[in-house]
Amino acid sequence: MVKIRLQRYGSHKSPFYRIVACDSRSPRDGKFLEILGTYNPLTEPATVKLEAEKITKWLDNGAQPTVTVANILKKNNIAKSTK
């Protein structure tokens, strides 16, 4: 199963995240299929850059976003109803 989830980068107490499509069995920071965007929670407001076309393609093909990614997508009007 393909998941759309966050992949953590950055140093200690300075997180920076990539939003990626990956196999649900791979580790959090392991292999991924495609980079779909970035998320920086340290800026005010949080900086989010998304590639909407790629995200909707993965969602249409059955990828499931994690709870956090689903919230980010909803705030940016890319959300698709999840089960």
PDB file of N, CA and C in Angstrom:
ATOM      1  N   MET A   1       0.838  -1.174   0.000  1.00  0.00           N
ATOM      2  CA  MET A   1       0.000   0.000   0.000  1.00  0.00           C
ATOM      3  C   MET A   1       0.885   1.241   0.000  1.00  0.00           C
ATOM      4  N   VAL A   2       0.496   2.226  -0.759  1.00  0.00           N
ATOM      5  CA  VAL A   2       1.253   3.472  -0.853  1.00  0.00           C
ATOM      6  C   VAL A   2       0.675   4.478   0.135  1.00  0.00           C
ATOM      7  N   LYS A   3       1.564   5.118   0.885  1.00  0.00           N
ATOM      8  CA  LYS A   3       1.184   6.152   1.844  1.00  0.00           C
ATOM      9  C   LYS A   3       1.788   7.475   1.406  1.00  0.00           C
ATOM     10  N   ILE A   4       1.080   8.556   1.702  1.00  0.00           N
ATOM     11  CA  ILE A   4       1.639   9.896   1.533  1.00  0.00           C
ATOM     12  C   ILE A   4       1.926  10.370   2.943  1.00  0.00           C
ATOM     13  N   ARG A   5       3.215  10.575   3.244  1.00  0.00           N
ATOM     14  CA  ARG A   5       3.583  10.922   4.610  1.00  0.00           C
ATOM     15  C   ARG A   5       4.763  11.880   4.650  1.00  0.00           C
ATOM     16  N   LEU A   6       5.103  12.305   5.870  1.00  0.00           N
ATOM     17  CA  LEU A   6       6.203  13.237   6.076  1.00  0.00           C
ATOM     18  C   LEU A   6       7.503  12.478   6.258  1.00  0.00           C
ATOM     19  N   GLN A   7       8.573  13.052   5.730  1.00  0.00           N
ATOM     20  CA  GLN A   7       9.912  12.511   5.890  1.00  0.00           C
ATOM     21  C   GLN A   7      10.742  13.607   6.545  1.00  0.00           C
ATOM     22  N   ARG A   8      11.289  13.342   7.732  1.00  0.00           N
ATOM     23  CA  ARG A   8      11.946  14.385   8.519  1.00  0.00           C
ATOM     24  C   ARG A   8      13.386  14.633   8.074  1.00  0.00           C
ATOM     25  N   TYR A   9      13.699  15.913   7.961  1.00  0.00           N
ATOM     26  CA  TYR A   9      15.052  16.374   7.689  1.00  0.00           C
ATOM     27  C   TYR A   9      15.358  17.482   8.668  1.00  0.00           C
ATOM     28  N   GLY A  10      16.564  17.998   8.658  1.00  0.00           N
ATOM     29  CA  GLY A  10      16.939  19.073   9.555  1.00  0.00           C
ATOM     30  C   GLY A  10      17.663  18.536  10.765  1.00  0.00           C
ATOM     31  N   SER A  11      18.242  19.444  11.519  1.00  0.00           N
ATOM     32  CA  SER A  11      19.018  19.042  12.683  1.00  0.00           C
ATOM     33  C   SER A  11      18.145  18.992  13.932  1.00  0.00           C
ATOM     34  N   HIS A  12      18.755  18.710  15.042  1.00  0.00           N
ATOM     35  CA  HIS A  12      18.077  18.596  16.321  1.00  0.00           C
ATOM     36  C   HIS A  12      17.311  19.884  16.646  1.00  0.00           C
ATOM     37  N   LYS A  13      16.035  19.764  16.932  1.00  0.00           N
ATOM     38  CA  LYS A  13      15.129  20.875  17.239  1.00  0.00           C
ATOM     39  C   LYS A  13      14.938  21.854  16.082  1.00  0.00           C
ATOM     40  N   SER A  14      15.287  21.466  14.879  1.00  0.00           N
ATOM     41  CA  SER A  14      15.062  22.286  13.685  1.00  0.00           C
ATOM     42  C   SER A  14      14.484  21.418  12.578  1.00  0.00           C
ATOM     43  N   PRO A  15      13.264  20.914  12.748  1.00  0.00           N
ATOM     44  CA  PRO A  15      12.721  19.988  11.761  1.00  0.00           C
ATOM     45  C   PRO A  15      12.329  20.681  10.458  1.00  0.00           C
ATOM     46  N   PHE A  16      12.461  19.938   9.399  1.00  0.00           N
ATOM     47  CA  PHE A  16      12.025  20.322   8.062  1.00  0.00           C
ATOM     48  C   PHE A  16      11.516  19.033   7.436  1.00  0.00           C
ATOM     49  N   TYR A  17      10.390  19.064   6.774  1.00  0.00           N
ATOM     50  CA  TYR A  17       9.784  17.834   6.276  1.00  0.00           C
ATOM     51  C   TYR A  17       9.579  17.871   4.771  1.00  0.00           C
ATOM     52  N   ARG A  18       9.744  16.711   4.153  1.00  0.00           N
ATOM     53  CA  ARG A  18       9.331  16.494   2.774  1.00  0.00           C
ATOM     54  C   ARG A  18       8.033  15.699   2.829  1.00  0.00           C
ATOM     55  N   ILE A  19       7.120  16.000   1.941  1.00  0.00           N
ATOM     56  CA  ILE A  19       5.911  15.201   1.797  1.00  0.00           C
ATOM     57  C   ILE A  19       6.186  14.256   0.640  1.00  0.00           C
ATOM     58  N   VAL A  20       6.149  12.950   0.921  1.00  0.00           N
ATOM     59  CA  VAL A  20       6.539  11.957  -0.074  1.00  0.00           C
ATOM     60  C   VAL A  20       5.492  10.863  -0.202  1.00  0.00           C
ATOM     61  N   ALA A  21       5.493  10.218  -1.352  1.00  0.00           N
ATOM     62  CA  ALA A  21       4.720   8.996  -1.562  1.00  0.00           C
ATOM     63  C   ALA A  21       5.693   7.840  -1.381  1.00  0.00           C
ATOM     64  N   CYS A  22       5.333   6.879  -0.527  1.00  0.00           N
ATOM     65  CA  CYS A  22       6.243   5.765  -0.275  1.00  0.00           C
ATOM     66  C   CYS A  22       5.444   4.519   0.075  1.00  0.00           C
ATOM     67  N   ASP A  23       6.129   3.397   0.029  1.00  0.00           N
ATOM     68  CA  ASP A  23       5.543   2.128   0.441  1.00  0.00           C
ATOM     69  C   ASP A  23       5.329   2.179   1.945  1.00  0.00           C
ATOM     70  N   SER A  24       4.205   1.679   2.425  1.00  0.00           N
ATOM     71  CA  SER A  24       3.891   1.759   3.848  1.00  0.00           C
ATOM     72  C   SER A  24       4.851   0.943   4.704  1.00  0.00           C
ATOM     73  N   ARG A  25       5.575  -0.001   4.107  1.00  0.00           N
ATOM     74  CA  ARG A  25       6.504  -0.841   4.865  1.00  0.00           C
ATOM     75  C   ARG A  25       7.889  -0.229   4.995  1.00  0.00           C
ATOM     76  N   SER A  26       8.174   0.829   4.247  1.00  0.00           N
ATOM     77  CA  SER A  26       9.507   1.433   4.316  1.00  0.00           C
ATOM     78  C   SER A  26       9.624   2.302   5.565  1.00  0.00           C
ATOM     79  N   PRO A  27      10.843   2.479   6.094  1.00  0.00           N
ATOM     80  CA  PRO A  27      11.024   3.315   7.283  1.00  0.00           C
ATOM     81  C   PRO A  27      10.710   4.780   7.009  1.00  0.00           C
ATOM     82  N   ARG A  28      10.511   5.550   8.076  1.00  0.00           N
ATOM     83  CA  ARG A  28      10.098   6.948   7.948  1.00  0.00           C
ATOM     84  C   ARG A  28      11.009   7.745   7.020  1.00  0.00           C
ATOM     85  N   ASP A  29      12.301   7.603   7.183  1.00  0.00           N
ATOM     86  CA  ASP A  29      13.236   8.369   6.370  1.00  0.00           C
ATOM     87  C   ASP A  29      13.915   7.503   5.311  1.00  0.00           C
ATOM     88  N   GLY A  30      13.271   6.408   4.925  1.00  0.00           N
ATOM     89  CA  GLY A  30      13.854   5.482   3.971  1.00  0.00           C
ATOM     90  C   GLY A  30      13.481   5.808   2.530  1.00  0.00           C
ATOM     91  N   LYS A  31      13.401   4.761   1.731  1.00  0.00           N
ATOM     92  CA  LYS A  31      13.107   4.929   0.312  1.00  0.00           C
ATOM     93  C   LYS A  31      11.723   5.525   0.113  1.00  0.00           C
ATOM     94  N   PHE A  32      11.599   6.302  -0.965  1.00  0.00           N
ATOM     95  CA  PHE A  32      10.314   6.876  -1.320  1.00  0.00           C
ATOM     96  C   PHE A  32      10.132   6.772  -2.824  1.00  0.00           C
ATOM     97  N   LEU A  33       8.896   6.923  -3.269  1.00  0.00           N
ATOM     98  CA  LEU A  33       8.588   6.812  -4.686  1.00  0.00           C
ATOM     99  C   LEU A  33       8.680   8.163  -5.394  1.00  0.00           C
ATOM    100  N   GLU A  34       8.192   9.228  -4.719  1.00  0.00           N
ATOM    101  CA  GLU A  34       8.194  10.542  -5.354  1.00  0.00           C
ATOM    102  C   GLU A  34       8.062  11.622  -4.278  1.00  0.00           C
ATOM    103  N   ILE A  35       8.741  12.747  -4.486  1.00  0.00           N
ATOM    104  CA  ILE A  35       8.606  13.900  -3.599  1.00  0.00           C
ATOM    105  C   ILE A  35       7.411  14.722  -4.075  1.00  0.00           C
ATOM    106  N   LEU A  36       6.497  15.021  -3.138  1.00  0.00           N
ATOM    107  CA  LEU A  36       5.272  15.730  -3.487  1.00  0.00           C
ATOM    108  C   LEU A  36       5.212  17.154  -2.946  1.00  0.00           C
ATOM    109  N   GLY A  37       6.134  17.511  -2.077  1.00  0.00           N
ATOM    110  CA  GLY A  37       6.127  18.864  -1.529  1.00  0.00           C
ATOM    111  C   GLY A  37       7.021  18.966  -0.307  1.00  0.00           C
ATOM    112  N   THR A  38       6.975  20.138   0.336  1.00  0.00           N
ATOM    113  CA  THR A  38       7.747  20.370   1.549  1.00  0.00           C
ATOM    114  C   THR A  38       6.873  21.053   2.588  1.00  0.00           C
ATOM    115  N   TYR A  39       7.296  20.929   3.861  1.00  0.00           N
ATOM    116  CA  TYR A  39       6.579  21.537   4.976  1.00  0.00           C
ATOM    117  C   TYR A  39       7.600  22.003   5.997  1.00  0.00           C
ATOM    118  N   ASN A  40       7.571  23.298   6.330  1.00  0.00           N
ATOM    119  CA  ASN A  40       8.476  23.863   7.319  1.00  0.00           C
ATOM    120  C   ASN A  40       7.648  24.457   8.453  1.00  0.00           C
ATOM    121  N   PRO A  41       7.561  23.766   9.602  1.00  0.00           N
ATOM    122  CA  PRO A  41       6.724  24.244  10.701  1.00  0.00           C
ATOM    123  C   PRO A  41       7.365  25.360  11.521  1.00  0.00           C
ATOM    124  N   LEU A  42       8.633  25.690  11.295  1.00  0.00           N
ATOM    125  CA  LEU A  42       9.319  26.677  12.112  1.00  0.00           C
ATOM    126  C   LEU A  42       9.023  28.117  11.710  1.00  0.00           C
ATOM    127  N   THR A  43       8.588  28.352  10.488  1.00  0.00           N
ATOM    128  CA  THR A  43       8.261  29.713  10.063  1.00  0.00           C
ATOM    129  C   THR A  43       6.877  30.087  10.586  1.00  0.00           C
ATOM    130  N   GLU A  44       6.605  31.358  10.651  1.00  0.00           N
ATOM    131  CA  GLU A  44       5.302  31.822  11.125  1.00  0.00           C
ATOM    132  C   GLU A  44       4.636  32.625  10.031  1.00  0.00           C
ATOM    133  N   PRO A  45       3.596  32.185   9.379  1.00  0.00           N
ATOM    134  CA  PRO A  45       2.972  30.860   9.509  1.00  0.00           C
ATOM    135  C   PRO A  45       3.819  29.777   8.841  1.00  0.00           C
ATOM    136  N   ALA A  46       3.468  28.536   9.092  1.00  0.00           N
ATOM    137  CA  ALA A  46       4.217  27.397   8.546  1.00  0.00           C
ATOM    138  C   ALA A  46       4.238  27.471   7.020  1.00  0.00           C
ATOM    139  N   THR A  47       5.396  27.196   6.432  1.00  0.00           N
ATOM    140  CA  THR A  47       5.562  27.235   4.976  1.00  0.00           C
ATOM    141  C   THR A  47       5.249  25.867   4.395  1.00  0.00           C
ATOM    142  N   VAL A  48       4.321  25.841   3.438  1.00  0.00           N
ATOM    143  CA  VAL A  48       3.944  24.593   2.782  1.00  0.00           C
ATOM    144  C   VAL A  48       4.032  24.805   1.278  1.00  0.00           C
ATOM    145  N   LYS A  49       4.779  23.940   0.600  1.00  0.00           N
ATOM    146  CA  LYS A  49       4.856  23.964  -0.863  1.00  0.00           C
ATOM    147  C   LYS A  49       4.416  22.594  -1.352  1.00  0.00           C
ATOM    148  N   LEU A  50       3.353  22.563  -2.125  1.00  0.00           N
ATOM    149  CA  LEU A  50       2.787  21.297  -2.601  1.00  0.00           C
ATOM    150  C   LEU A  50       2.718  21.275  -4.119  1.00  0.00           C
ATOM    151  N   GLU A  51       2.885  20.091  -4.672  1.00  0.00           N
ATOM    152  CA  GLU A  51       2.687  19.892  -6.103  1.00  0.00           C
ATOM    153  C   GLU A  51       1.330  19.195  -6.267  1.00  0.00           C
ATOM    154  N   ALA A  52       0.298  20.009  -6.444  1.00  0.00           N
ATOM    155  CA  ALA A  52      -1.083  19.541  -6.412  1.00  0.00           C
ATOM    156  C   ALA A  52      -1.368  18.455  -7.449  1.00  0.00           C
ATOM    157  N   GLU A  53      -0.815  18.588  -8.639  1.00  0.00           N
ATOM    158  CA  GLU A  53      -1.082  17.603  -9.692  1.00  0.00           C
ATOM    159  C   GLU A  53      -0.564  16.227  -9.301  1.00  0.00           C
ATOM    160  N   LYS A  54       0.658  16.182  -8.761  1.00  0.00           N
ATOM    161  CA  LYS A  54       1.229  14.903  -8.346  1.00  0.00           C
ATOM    162  C   LYS A  54       0.444  14.300  -7.191  1.00  0.00           C
ATOM    163  N   ILE A  55       0.037  15.141  -6.245  1.00  0.00           N
ATOM    164  CA  ILE A  55      -0.704  14.645  -5.085  1.00  0.00           C
ATOM    165  C   ILE A  55      -2.047  14.073  -5.505  1.00  0.00           C
ATOM    166  N   THR A  56      -2.783  14.778  -6.356  1.00  0.00           N
ATOM    167  CA  THR A  56      -4.077  14.260  -6.791  1.00  0.00           C
ATOM    168  C   THR A  56      -3.916  12.987  -7.616  1.00  0.00           C
ATOM    169  N   LYS A  57      -2.824  12.880  -8.381  1.00  0.00           N
ATOM    170  CA  LYS A  57      -2.568  11.651  -9.130  1.00  0.00           C
ATOM    171  C   LYS A  57      -2.403  10.470  -8.177  1.00  0.00           C
ATOM    172  N   TRP A  58      -1.603  10.656  -7.115  1.00  0.00           N
ATOM    173  CA  TRP A  58      -1.392   9.576  -6.154  1.00  0.00           C
ATOM    174  C   TRP A  58      -2.672   9.243  -5.392  1.00  0.00           C
ATOM    175  N   LEU A  59      -3.442  10.268  -5.015  1.00  0.00           N
ATOM    176  CA  LEU A  59      -4.701  10.013  -4.300  1.00  0.00           C
ATOM    177  C   LEU A  59      -5.687   9.259  -5.180  1.00  0.00           C
ATOM    178  N   ASP A  60      -5.749   9.624  -6.460  1.00  0.00           N
ATOM    179  CA  ASP A  60      -6.644   8.926  -7.392  1.00  0.00           C
ATOM    180  C   ASP A  60      -6.215   7.480  -7.618  1.00  0.00           C
ATOM    181  N   ASN A  61      -4.915   7.204  -7.469  1.00  0.00           N
ATOM    182  CA  ASN A  61      -4.416   5.839  -7.637  1.00  0.00           C
ATOM    183  C   ASN A  61      -4.493   5.022  -6.361  1.00  0.00           C
ATOM    184  N   GLY A  62      -5.071   5.585  -5.283  1.00  0.00           N
ATOM    185  CA  GLY A  62      -5.297   4.812  -4.074  1.00  0.00           C
ATOM    186  C   GLY A  62      -4.336   5.044  -2.933  1.00  0.00           C
ATOM    187  N   ALA A  63      -3.452   6.024  -3.035  1.00  0.00           N
ATOM    188  CA  ALA A  63      -2.537   6.305  -1.924  1.00  0.00           C
ATOM    189  C   ALA A  63      -3.318   6.892  -0.760  1.00  0.00           C
ATOM    190  N   GLN A  64      -2.934   6.513   0.458  1.00  0.00           N
ATOM    191  CA  GLN A  64      -3.602   6.993   1.659  1.00  0.00           C
ATOM    192  C   GLN A  64      -2.692   7.974   2.399  1.00  0.00           C
ATOM    193  N   PRO A  65      -3.159   9.211   2.651  1.00  0.00           N
ATOM    194  CA  PRO A  65      -2.339  10.153   3.416  1.00  0.00           C
ATOM    195  C   PRO A  65      -2.416   9.835   4.903  1.00  0.00           C
ATOM    196  N   THR A  66      -1.341  10.150   5.636  1.00  0.00           N
ATOM    197  CA  THR A  66      -1.384  10.021   7.083  1.00  0.00           C
ATOM    198  C   THR A  66      -2.272  11.136   7.635  1.00  0.00           C
ATOM    199  N   VAL A  67      -2.568  11.088   8.909  1.00  0.00           N
ATOM    200  CA  VAL A  67      -3.446  12.083   9.525  1.00  0.00           C
ATOM    201  C   VAL A  67      -2.864  13.489   9.383  1.00  0.00           C
ATOM    202  N   THR A  68      -1.581  13.633   9.650  1.00  0.00           N
ATOM    203  CA  THR A  68      -0.936  14.944   9.566  1.00  0.00           C
ATOM    204  C   THR A  68      -0.940  15.473   8.139  1.00  0.00           C
ATOM    205  N   VAL A  69      -0.612  14.630   7.195  1.00  0.00           N
ATOM    206  CA  VAL A  69      -0.603  15.057   5.784  1.00  0.00           C
ATOM    207  C   VAL A  69      -2.019  15.381   5.325  1.00  0.00           C
ATOM    208  N   ALA A  70      -3.007  14.615   5.771  1.00  0.00           N
ATOM    209  CA  ALA A  70      -4.397  14.900   5.408  1.00  0.00           C
ATOM    210  C   ALA A  70      -4.809  16.284   5.913  1.00  0.00           C
ATOM    211  N   ASN A  71      -4.367  16.651   7.121  1.00  0.00           N
ATOM    212  CA  ASN A  71      -4.666  17.983   7.650  1.00  0.00           C
ATOM    213  C   ASN A  71      -3.995  19.070   6.825  1.00  0.00           C
ATOM    214  N   ILE A  72      -2.753  18.847   6.414  1.00  0.00           N
ATOM    215  CA  ILE A  72      -2.042  19.822   5.579  1.00  0.00           C
ATOM    216  C   ILE A  72      -2.751  19.977   4.240  1.00  0.00           C
ATOM    217  N   LEU A  73      -3.172  18.871   3.647  1.00  0.00           N
ATOM    218  CA  LEU A  73      -3.869  18.922   2.362  1.00  0.00           C
ATOM    219  C   LEU A  73      -5.207  19.634   2.487  1.00  0.00           C
ATOM    220  N   LYS A  74      -5.907  19.379   3.571  1.00  0.00           N
ATOM    221  CA  LYS A  74      -7.206  20.015   3.784  1.00  0.00           C
ATOM    222  C   LYS A  74      -7.051  21.528   3.902  1.00  0.00           C
ATOM    223  N   LYS A  75      -6.017  21.989   4.622  1.00  0.00           N
ATOM    224  CA  LYS A  75      -5.788  23.421   4.783  1.00  0.00           C
ATOM    225  C   LYS A  75      -5.426  24.090   3.473  1.00  0.00           C
ATOM    226  N   ASN A  76      -4.890  23.311   2.524  1.00  0.00           N
ATOM    227  CA  ASN A  76      -4.495  23.850   1.225  1.00  0.00           C
ATOM    228  C   ASN A  76      -5.463  23.469   0.116  1.00  0.00           C
ATOM    229  N   ASN A  77      -6.649  23.020   0.483  1.00  0.00           N
ATOM    230  CA  ASN A  77      -7.733  22.702  -0.456  1.00  0.00           C
ATOM    231  C   ASN A  77      -7.357  21.657  -1.495  1.00  0.00           C
ATOM    232  N   ILE A  78      -6.563  20.664  -1.093  1.00  0.00           N
ATOM    233  CA  ILE A  78      -6.222  19.563  -1.977  1.00  0.00           C
ATOM    234  C   ILE A  78      -6.813  18.273  -1.439  1.00  0.00           C
ATOM    235  N   ALA A  79      -7.491  18.358  -0.322  1.00  0.00           N
ATOM    236  CA  ALA A  79      -7.973  17.171   0.375  1.00  0.00           C
ATOM    237  C   ALA A  79      -8.981  16.399  -0.460  1.00  0.00           C
ATOM    238  N   LYS A  80      -8.847  15.112  -0.378  1.00  0.00           N
ATOM    239  CA  LYS A  80      -9.820  14.198  -0.951  1.00  0.00           C
ATOM    240  C   LYS A  80     -10.391  13.428   0.217  1.00  0.00           C
ATOM    241  N   SER A  81     -11.656  13.132   0.207  1.00  0.00           N
ATOM    242  CA  SER A  81     -12.248  12.436   1.349  1.00  0.00           C
ATOM    243  C   SER A  81     -11.542  11.103   1.570  1.00  0.00           C
ATOM    244  N   THR A  82     -11.058  10.914   2.791  1.00  0.00           N
ATOM    245  CA  THR A  82     -10.369   9.682   3.148  1.00  0.00           C
ATOM    246  C   THR A  82     -11.273   8.801   3.964  1.00  0.00           C
ATOM    247  N   LYS A  83     -10.990   7.514   3.959  1.00  0.00           N
ATOM    248  CA  LYS A  83     -11.833   6.564   4.672  1.00  0.00           C
ATOM    249  C   LYS A  83     -11.432   6.475   6.111  1.00  0.00           C
TER     250      LYS A  83
END
